[in-house]
Amino acid sequence: MTNYLDFERPLAEIEGKAEELRAMARQNEDMDVESEAAALDKKAADMLVDMYAKLTPWRKCQVARHPDRPHCKDYIANLFTEYTPLAGDRNFAEDLALMGGLARFNDRPVVVIGHEKGNDTKSRIERNFGMARPEGYRKAIRLMEIADRFNMPVISLVDTAGAYPGKGAEERGQSEAIARSTEKCLQIGVPMISVIIGEGGSGGAVAIAAANRVAMLEHSVYSVISPEGCASILWKNPEKMREAAEAMRVTAQDLHYLGVIDRIIGEPVGGAHRGADQAMTAVGTEIQALLTSMKGMDRKALIHDRRKKFLDMGARGLAA
C-alpha cells in the first residue's frame, strides 16, 4: 500500500481511480477498462514528474521523512557484505538508534555507521525514531577508533531528526558525547564518507558526518534544527514551518551551493520511497566514486583535507 504525503493527494485520487477500474474489471470479465486505466496511469505519471520537479523546501522535508524511504538497515543489507555489528559503548548500554559494525563494501573492508529509524511501530519505538542517546555516539567513537587502528574507511549513513533530548540522555552527557564523536571524526587518519539519506538534524547528525566527503540524496534535508523547531523559536508558531524551511536553506541544492556538501545523489522520480533499489544503487555508486577520489591520500593529507573542508564551509555563500 502506497503512503501518500499531503501534497500528493491529487495523485492519490488519480491512481486510486485507476485501481478501482481494474478492480471492477477483475470482478466482471466483460468489462474492458484497460485503455481508460492506462490513460489515468499516464496522467498520474506526468503529474508525479511535474510535482517532484518543483518541490518546495518544506515538501522536501516531508519527502525526507517518508516512512517508506529506505533506511540504514536497508542500505547495509543491499550495499555491504559480511556485516558484523558492534554493540554497546562499554560504559552504559546498547543504543539501537545508532547501528554500526565491520563490513565489506565492494570487497573492501570498511566500518559502517548509521542512524536507524525503524520501519513499523514496534521497531520505531525500539530504535527511538533514530534519535541516538550518548551511548550511541560513544559506540560510534569505538567504531571510528577501530577503523583508524586497522586502516579501514568509515562510511556513515545519516538519518535523524537530532540527538535524543531526554532527561536521561542529558544526565549521561549527551552534549559531551556528541562533541567527542565530532572530534573523533576530525581526528581519524582514514577516508570518511557521509551520506545524508533522509534527515540530517543538528549535532546528532554532525556527530557522524564531519567527513572528508559529504553527499546528500536529492530530496534529503540537512539543518541545525527542524523547520518546526525554528518556527517555534523565531515566530512562536510551529505552523510557520514552511517559511522556516525556506529561510534555513535545508535542501541539498542550497547546501551544495554553500559548500556544506560535496555531491547530490539523484533519486528516482517520486523520491527514494518509490524506487528504493534504484536509490540504494545510486548511493553505492557515489560512495565508490568518493572513495576512489581519495585514493593515495596519506593519513596527514586526509586529516588536513577534512579540517580544511569544515573551516572553509559556507565561504562561497558569504562571498555571493
Protein backbone atom coordinates (compact mmCIF):
# COMPACT_ATOMS: atom_id res chain seq x y z
CA MET A 1 0.00 0.00 0.00
CA THR A 2 1.35 3.40 -1.01
CA ASN A 3 1.65 6.04 1.71
CA TYR A 4 0.81 9.41 0.19
CA LEU A 5 2.07 12.72 1.55
CA ASP A 6 -0.34 15.66 1.97
CA PHE A 7 0.71 17.36 -1.24
CA GLU A 8 0.32 14.09 -3.15
CA ARG A 9 -3.47 13.87 -2.62
CA PRO A 10 -4.35 14.75 -6.25
CA LEU A 11 -2.01 11.98 -7.36
CA ALA A 12 -3.60 9.56 -4.88
CA GLU A 13 -7.04 10.28 -6.35
CA ILE A 14 -5.96 9.53 -9.92
CA GLU A 15 -4.05 6.36 -9.01
CA GLY A 16 -6.99 5.31 -6.84
CA LYS A 17 -9.42 5.70 -9.74
CA ALA A 18 -7.20 3.58 -11.99
CA GLU A 19 -7.06 0.85 -9.36
CA GLU A 20 -10.84 0.98 -8.86
CA LEU A 21 -11.39 0.46 -12.59
CA ARG A 22 -9.07 -2.55 -12.62
CA ALA A 23 -10.74 -3.98 -9.51
CA MET A 24 -14.16 -3.70 -11.20
CA ALA A 25 -12.78 -5.41 -14.30
CA ARG A 26 -11.45 -8.29 -12.22
CA GLN A 27 -14.97 -8.86 -10.88
CA ASN A 28 -16.60 -8.57 -14.30
CA GLU A 29 -14.66 -10.15 -17.13
CA ASP A 30 -16.87 -8.48 -19.76
CA MET A 31 -15.68 -5.01 -18.77
CA ASP A 32 -12.83 -3.51 -20.80
CA VAL A 33 -11.31 -0.68 -18.80
CA GLU A 34 -7.64 -1.04 -19.65
CA SER A 35 -7.47 1.89 -22.09
CA GLU A 36 -9.15 4.20 -19.58
CA ALA A 37 -6.98 2.94 -16.73
CA ALA A 38 -3.85 3.36 -18.86
CA ALA A 39 -4.82 6.96 -19.58
CA LEU A 40 -5.15 7.57 -15.84
CA ASP A 41 -1.75 5.93 -15.29
CA LYS A 42 -0.15 8.28 -17.81
CA LYS A 43 -1.83 11.28 -16.21
CA ALA A 44 -0.56 10.19 -12.80
CA ALA A 45 2.98 9.62 -14.12
CA ASP A 46 3.06 13.09 -15.72
CA MET A 47 1.71 14.65 -12.52
CA LEU A 48 4.38 12.88 -10.45
CA VAL A 49 7.18 14.20 -12.67
CA ASP A 50 5.80 17.74 -12.52
CA MET A 51 5.17 17.59 -8.78
CA TYR A 52 8.69 16.43 -7.88
CA ALA A 53 10.38 18.78 -10.33
CA LYS A 54 9.39 21.80 -8.23
CA LEU A 55 9.31 20.68 -4.60
CA THR A 56 9.44 23.46 -2.03
CA PRO A 57 11.91 23.12 0.87
CA TRP A 58 9.07 22.12 3.21
CA ARG A 59 7.86 19.45 0.81
CA LYS A 60 11.41 18.12 0.61
CA CYS A 61 11.33 17.84 4.41
CA GLN A 62 8.17 15.76 4.10
CA VAL A 63 9.73 13.52 1.45
CA ALA A 64 12.89 13.10 3.56
CA ARG A 65 10.70 11.84 6.42
CA HIS A 66 8.58 9.49 4.31
CA PRO A 67 8.04 6.23 6.27
CA ASP A 68 8.74 4.08 3.20
CA ARG A 69 12.07 5.72 2.42
CA PRO A 70 14.94 3.17 2.65
CA HIS A 71 16.71 3.33 6.00
CA CYS A 72 20.19 2.49 7.25
CA LYS A 73 19.41 -1.22 7.69
CA ASP A 74 18.24 -1.40 4.07
CA TYR A 75 21.42 0.22 2.76
CA ILE A 76 23.62 -2.08 4.83
CA ALA A 77 21.74 -5.15 3.60
CA ASN A 78 21.93 -4.05 -0.04
CA LEU A 79 25.36 -2.43 -0.35
CA PHE A 80 27.55 -4.24 2.18
CA THR A 81 28.57 -7.84 2.74
CA GLU A 82 29.85 -9.70 5.79
CA TYR A 83 28.33 -7.08 8.06
CA THR A 84 29.27 -7.77 11.69
CA PRO A 85 27.57 -5.37 14.11
CA LEU A 86 29.23 -3.92 17.18
CA ALA A 87 27.01 -3.35 20.22
CA GLY A 88 27.30 -1.17 23.31
CA ASP A 89 29.56 1.62 24.46
CA ARG A 90 31.39 -0.41 27.16
CA ASN A 91 30.02 2.06 29.68
CA PHE A 92 26.23 2.09 29.93
CA ALA A 93 24.16 0.30 27.30
CA GLU A 94 23.46 -0.58 23.69
CA ASP A 95 21.68 2.12 21.66
CA LEU A 96 19.60 0.74 18.80
CA ALA A 97 19.07 4.19 17.28
CA LEU A 98 22.67 4.18 16.04
CA MET A 99 23.90 0.99 14.43
CA GLY A 100 27.30 0.11 13.06
CA GLY A 101 29.94 -2.51 12.58
CA LEU A 102 32.56 -4.01 10.31
CA ALA A 103 31.65 -4.91 6.75
CA ARG A 104 32.89 -5.15 3.19
CA PHE A 105 32.00 -2.62 0.52
CA ASN A 106 32.83 -3.88 -2.97
CA ASP A 107 35.04 -6.42 -1.18
CA ARG A 108 36.95 -3.68 0.66
CA PRO A 109 36.94 -3.83 4.49
CA VAL A 110 35.17 -0.79 5.93
CA VAL A 111 33.41 0.43 9.05
CA VAL A 112 29.79 1.50 8.51
CA ILE A 113 27.80 3.62 10.98
CA GLY A 114 24.27 4.97 10.66
CA HIS A 115 21.07 6.14 12.29
CA GLU A 116 18.18 3.68 12.08
CA LYS A 117 14.61 4.98 12.50
CA GLY A 118 12.76 1.68 12.16
CA ASN A 119 10.02 0.79 9.68
CA ASP A 120 6.98 -0.04 11.83
CA THR A 121 5.59 1.00 15.20
CA LYS A 122 7.50 -1.61 17.20
CA SER A 123 10.87 -1.03 15.55
CA ARG A 124 10.47 2.76 15.64
CA ILE A 125 9.97 2.65 19.39
CA GLU A 126 12.91 0.26 19.82
CA ARG A 127 15.09 2.49 17.66
CA ASN A 128 13.83 5.66 19.37
CA PHE A 129 12.91 7.02 15.91
CA GLY A 130 16.60 7.29 15.03
CA MET A 131 17.38 9.74 17.85
CA ALA A 132 20.56 8.45 19.47
CA ARG A 133 21.46 8.74 23.14
CA PRO A 134 25.02 9.32 24.44
CA GLU A 135 25.80 5.62 24.37
CA GLY A 136 25.06 5.58 20.65
CA TYR A 137 27.65 8.27 19.95
CA ARG A 138 30.16 6.58 22.24
CA LYS A 139 29.62 3.40 20.23
CA ALA A 140 30.31 5.43 17.07
CA ILE A 141 33.58 6.61 18.64
CA ARG A 142 34.54 2.99 19.33
CA LEU A 143 33.88 2.11 15.71
CA MET A 144 35.89 5.04 14.37
CA GLU A 145 38.81 4.12 16.62
CA ILE A 146 38.73 0.55 15.25
CA ALA A 147 38.68 1.93 11.70
CA ASP A 148 41.63 4.18 12.43
CA ARG A 149 43.62 1.38 14.06
CA PHE A 150 43.11 -1.06 11.20
CA ASN A 151 43.18 1.47 8.33
CA MET A 152 39.59 0.97 7.18
CA PRO A 153 37.47 3.73 5.59
CA VAL A 154 34.45 4.93 7.56
CA ILE A 155 31.09 5.23 5.81
CA SER A 156 28.26 6.89 7.74
CA LEU A 157 24.59 6.99 6.78
CA VAL A 158 22.80 9.92 8.40
CA ASP A 159 19.06 9.89 9.03
CA THR A 160 17.95 11.54 12.27
CA ALA A 161 15.81 14.43 13.42
CA GLY A 162 18.53 15.04 16.01
CA ALA A 163 20.08 13.52 19.10
CA TYR A 164 17.61 12.48 21.81
CA PRO A 165 16.99 15.43 24.20
CA GLY A 166 15.55 13.41 27.11
CA LYS A 167 16.49 13.84 30.76
CA GLY A 168 18.41 10.56 30.99
CA ALA A 169 20.43 11.37 27.88
CA GLU A 170 21.36 14.78 29.28
CA GLU A 171 22.31 13.25 32.63
CA ARG A 172 24.65 10.83 30.87
CA GLY A 173 26.40 13.61 28.93
CA GLN A 174 24.63 13.96 25.60
CA SER A 175 26.39 17.15 24.51
CA GLU A 176 29.81 15.82 25.56
CA ALA A 177 29.24 12.56 23.65
CA ILE A 178 28.23 14.48 20.50
CA ALA A 179 31.29 16.74 20.80
CA ARG A 180 33.63 13.77 21.31
CA SER A 181 32.15 11.95 18.33
CA THR A 182 32.54 15.04 16.13
CA GLU A 183 36.12 15.42 17.38
CA LYS A 184 36.86 11.80 16.55
CA CYS A 185 35.55 12.30 13.01
CA LEU A 186 38.12 15.06 12.56
CA GLN A 187 40.98 13.06 14.09
CA ILE A 188 40.92 9.74 12.26
CA GLY A 189 43.51 9.24 9.54
CA VAL A 190 41.36 7.17 7.18
CA PRO A 191 38.91 8.23 4.46
CA MET A 192 35.49 9.13 5.84
CA ILE A 193 32.35 9.49 3.71
CA SER A 194 28.94 10.54 4.97
CA VAL A 195 25.66 10.31 3.08
CA ILE A 196 22.51 12.10 4.25
CA ILE A 197 19.88 9.54 3.27
CA GLY A 198 16.88 11.25 4.90
CA GLU A 199 17.05 13.86 7.62
CA GLY A 200 20.28 15.34 8.92
CA GLY A 201 19.30 17.10 12.11
CA SER A 202 21.58 19.26 14.26
CA GLY A 203 24.56 17.94 16.24
CA GLY A 204 23.03 14.49 16.23
CA ALA A 205 23.83 14.34 12.52
CA VAL A 206 27.14 16.23 12.53
CA ALA A 207 28.50 13.81 15.16
CA ILE A 208 28.91 11.17 12.44
CA ALA A 209 29.00 13.48 9.41
CA ALA A 210 32.16 15.55 9.91
CA ALA A 211 33.67 13.66 6.98
CA ASN A 212 36.08 14.22 4.10
CA ARG A 213 33.20 13.97 1.66
CA VAL A 214 29.52 14.57 2.41
CA ALA A 215 26.81 13.62 -0.10
CA MET A 216 23.05 14.06 0.08
CA LEU A 217 20.21 12.33 -1.66
CA GLU A 218 18.33 14.76 -3.86
CA HIS A 219 15.30 15.10 -1.59
CA SER A 220 17.01 14.76 1.79
CA VAL A 221 17.46 17.71 4.18
CA TYR A 222 20.25 18.86 6.48
CA SER A 223 19.84 21.60 9.07
CA VAL A 224 20.79 22.88 12.51
CA ILE A 225 17.21 22.48 13.75
CA SER A 226 13.93 21.23 12.33
CA PRO A 227 11.75 23.78 10.49
CA GLU A 228 9.07 23.31 13.16
CA GLY A 229 11.60 23.99 15.92
CA CYS A 230 12.95 27.05 14.13
CA ALA A 231 9.42 28.41 13.61
CA SER A 232 8.60 27.86 17.29
CA ILE A 233 11.63 29.89 18.33
CA LEU A 234 11.50 32.72 15.77
CA TRP A 235 7.76 33.14 15.27
CA LYS A 236 6.42 31.37 18.39
CA ASN A 237 4.33 29.38 15.94
CA PRO A 238 5.33 25.91 14.65
CA GLU A 239 2.83 26.33 11.79
CA LYS A 240 5.34 28.72 10.20
CA MET A 241 7.50 25.70 9.31
CA ARG A 242 7.16 26.38 5.56
CA GLU A 243 8.68 29.85 5.93
CA ALA A 244 11.37 28.44 8.24
CA ALA A 245 12.35 25.69 5.79
CA GLU A 246 12.70 28.29 3.04
CA ALA A 247 14.81 30.64 5.18
CA MET A 248 17.06 27.91 6.60
CA ARG A 249 18.18 26.61 3.19
CA VAL A 250 17.86 22.98 4.21
CA THR A 251 17.85 21.39 0.74
CA ALA A 252 20.66 19.50 -0.94
CA GLN A 253 20.71 22.07 -3.74
CA ASP A 254 21.20 25.03 -1.37
CA LEU A 255 23.79 23.21 0.73
CA HIS A 256 25.78 22.16 -2.32
CA TYR A 257 25.86 25.80 -3.44
CA LEU A 258 27.10 26.87 0.01
CA GLY A 259 29.82 24.22 0.02
CA VAL A 260 28.37 22.38 3.02
CA ILE A 261 28.08 19.17 0.99
CA ASP A 262 30.09 17.84 -1.92
CA ARG A 263 27.69 15.79 -4.03
CA ILE A 264 23.97 15.45 -4.73
CA ILE A 265 22.75 11.93 -5.48
CA GLY A 266 19.74 11.76 -7.78
CA GLU A 267 16.59 9.95 -6.66
CA PRO A 268 14.00 8.09 -8.74
CA VAL A 269 11.00 10.13 -9.89
CA GLY A 270 8.73 10.42 -6.88
CA GLY A 271 11.52 10.02 -4.32
CA ALA A 272 13.59 7.16 -2.95
CA HIS A 273 10.50 5.55 -1.43
CA ARG A 274 9.12 4.92 -4.93
CA GLY A 275 12.31 3.25 -6.14
CA ALA A 276 14.31 2.03 -3.16
CA ASP A 277 16.59 -0.34 -5.09
CA GLN A 278 17.44 2.34 -7.64
CA ALA A 279 18.17 4.88 -4.89
CA MET A 280 20.40 2.49 -2.95
CA THR A 281 22.31 1.54 -6.09
CA ALA A 282 22.92 5.24 -6.80
CA VAL A 283 24.23 5.74 -3.25
CA GLY A 284 26.58 2.77 -3.62
CA THR A 285 27.92 4.13 -6.91
CA GLU A 286 28.57 7.52 -5.33
CA ILE A 287 30.30 6.06 -2.28
CA GLN A 288 32.64 4.12 -4.56
CA ALA A 289 33.39 7.25 -6.60
CA LEU A 290 34.16 9.24 -3.45
CA LEU A 291 36.43 6.52 -2.09
CA THR A 292 38.27 6.46 -5.40
CA SER A 293 38.70 10.25 -5.29
CA MET A 294 40.70 9.90 -2.06
CA LYS A 295 42.89 7.06 -3.27
CA GLY A 296 46.56 7.69 -2.50
CA MET A 297 45.95 10.28 0.23
CA ASP A 298 48.00 9.52 3.34
CA ARG A 299 46.92 9.99 6.94
CA LYS A 300 48.19 13.56 7.22
CA ALA A 301 46.58 14.61 3.94
CA LEU A 302 43.21 13.10 4.89
CA ILE A 303 43.11 14.90 8.24
CA HIS A 304 44.17 18.19 6.66
CA ASP A 305 41.61 17.79 3.88
CA ARG A 306 38.80 17.18 6.38
CA ARG A 307 39.69 20.09 8.63
CA LYS A 308 40.07 22.49 5.70
CA LYS A 309 36.68 21.43 4.37
CA PHE A 310 34.94 22.50 7.56
CA LEU A 311 36.97 25.68 8.04
CA ASP A 312 36.04 26.77 4.50
CA MET A 313 32.38 25.83 4.86
CA GLY A 314 29.92 28.50 3.73
CA ALA A 315 32.61 30.76 2.27
CA ARG A 316 31.10 30.62 -1.21
CA GLY A 317 27.68 31.69 0.04
CA LEU A 318 29.16 34.55 2.07
CA ALA A 319 31.15 35.76 -0.91
CA ALA A 320 28.00 35.80 -3.01
